[in-house]
Amino acid sequence: MSADPQPLIATRKPFLIEALPPGEYRWCACGRSQSQPFCDGSHSGTGIEPMPFTVKRNTGTLWLCGCKHTRHPPHCDGAHNRLPPVSQP
C-alpha cells in the first residue's frame, strides 16, 4: 500500500500577492516550483498536480499558501503554524 505523495514545504509563511490581474493561474501544490507560488511544471512525476484557479476581477492582497498544507488551497489558512518544527542537525 503506497502513501499519498507529500509536497515539499516551499516556505513556512504565505506568499503575499498584490493586485493579481484577472486571468487563469496554477498554484504550485508540490512545493518544487522555482516560480513560487505558481507552477512551473516541476511537479512532473511527483503524483501531485497544480491547482488551477481563476481571478475574475482585480484583487487586493492575496495570501497564497507557501507550506502546501493548507486546507483551503490556494489560500493560506495558517497551516504553517501547525507544522512540526524543523529539526536541527
Protein backbone atom coordinates (compact mmCIF):
# COMPACT_ATOMS: atom_id res chain seq x y z
CA MET A 1 0.00 0.00 0.00
CA SER A 2 1.60 3.31 -1.07
CA ALA A 3 1.09 6.55 0.79
CA ASP A 4 -0.17 9.65 -0.96
CA PRO A 5 2.69 11.78 -2.28
CA GLN A 6 3.62 14.58 0.10
CA PRO A 7 4.50 18.10 -1.02
CA LEU A 8 7.75 19.83 -0.15
CA ILE A 9 7.43 22.86 2.09
CA ALA A 10 8.43 25.76 -0.16
CA THR A 11 8.36 28.20 2.77
CA ARG A 12 6.85 28.31 6.24
CA LYS A 13 4.95 31.51 5.52
CA PRO A 14 2.37 32.62 2.95
CA PHE A 15 3.18 34.41 -0.27
CA LEU A 16 1.83 37.97 -0.28
CA ILE A 17 0.49 38.73 -3.76
CA GLU A 18 -0.61 42.29 -4.51
CA ALA A 19 -3.11 43.17 -7.24
CA LEU A 20 -3.17 39.93 -9.23
CA PRO A 21 -4.81 40.80 -12.56
CA PRO A 22 -7.78 38.79 -13.88
CA GLY A 23 -6.77 35.55 -15.53
CA GLU A 24 -6.10 31.84 -15.15
CA TYR A 25 -3.35 30.73 -12.76
CA ARG A 26 -1.90 27.45 -11.46
CA TRP A 27 -0.86 27.33 -7.81
CA CYS A 28 2.09 25.04 -7.10
CA ALA A 29 0.86 22.25 -4.83
CA CYS A 30 4.05 20.16 -4.87
CA GLY A 31 6.45 22.77 -3.45
CA ARG A 32 9.08 22.21 -6.16
CA SER A 33 8.39 25.17 -8.47
CA GLN A 34 11.11 27.78 -8.86
CA SER A 35 8.30 30.28 -9.59
CA GLN A 36 6.53 30.03 -6.21
CA PRO A 37 3.68 30.24 -5.52
CA PHE A 38 2.87 29.50 -9.15
CA CYS A 39 3.50 26.25 -11.04
CA ASP A 40 6.45 25.96 -13.42
CA GLY A 41 5.96 22.27 -14.30
CA SER A 42 8.39 20.92 -11.67
CA HIS A 43 5.67 18.58 -10.35
CA SER A 44 6.17 16.20 -13.27
CA GLY A 45 6.46 12.66 -11.93
CA THR A 46 5.56 13.56 -8.33
CA GLY A 47 1.92 12.48 -8.41
CA ILE A 48 0.95 15.97 -7.23
CA GLU A 49 -0.83 18.27 -9.66
CA PRO A 50 -1.02 22.07 -9.53
CA MET A 51 -4.31 23.69 -8.59
CA PRO A 52 -5.84 25.87 -11.28
CA PHE A 53 -7.64 28.98 -10.04
CA THR A 54 -9.27 31.92 -11.72
CA VAL A 55 -9.11 35.58 -10.78
CA LYS A 56 -12.26 37.24 -12.16
CA ARG A 57 -11.54 40.82 -11.13
CA ASN A 58 -8.58 42.82 -9.88
CA THR A 59 -7.69 41.62 -6.42
CA GLY A 60 -6.39 43.39 -3.42
CA THR A 61 -3.95 41.42 -1.35
CA LEU A 62 -3.93 37.63 -1.65
CA TRP A 63 -2.15 35.34 0.77
CA LEU A 64 -1.28 32.16 -1.12
CA CYS A 65 -0.08 29.12 0.81
CA GLY A 66 3.67 28.51 0.85
CA CYS A 67 3.81 25.42 3.07
CA LYS A 68 1.48 23.43 0.77
CA HIS A 69 -0.53 22.05 3.71
CA THR A 70 -3.50 24.46 3.65
CA ARG A 71 -7.00 23.02 3.82
CA HIS A 72 -8.20 25.82 1.50
CA PRO A 73 -5.82 25.85 -1.47
CA PRO A 74 -4.50 28.03 -2.90
CA HIS A 75 -5.18 30.35 0.05
CA CYS A 76 -3.21 30.31 3.30
CA ASP A 77 -5.19 29.10 6.31
CA GLY A 78 -2.35 29.25 8.83
CA ALA A 79 -1.38 25.58 8.42
CA HIS A 80 2.29 26.64 8.53
CA ASN A 81 1.76 27.42 12.22
CA ARG A 82 0.76 23.79 12.86
CA LEU A 83 3.72 22.15 11.10
CA PRO A 84 6.24 20.33 13.28
CA PRO A 85 9.40 22.32 13.98
CA VAL A 86 12.36 21.89 11.69
CA SER A 87 14.89 19.57 13.29
CA GLN A 88 18.40 20.96 13.52
CA PRO A 89 21.37 18.71 12.67
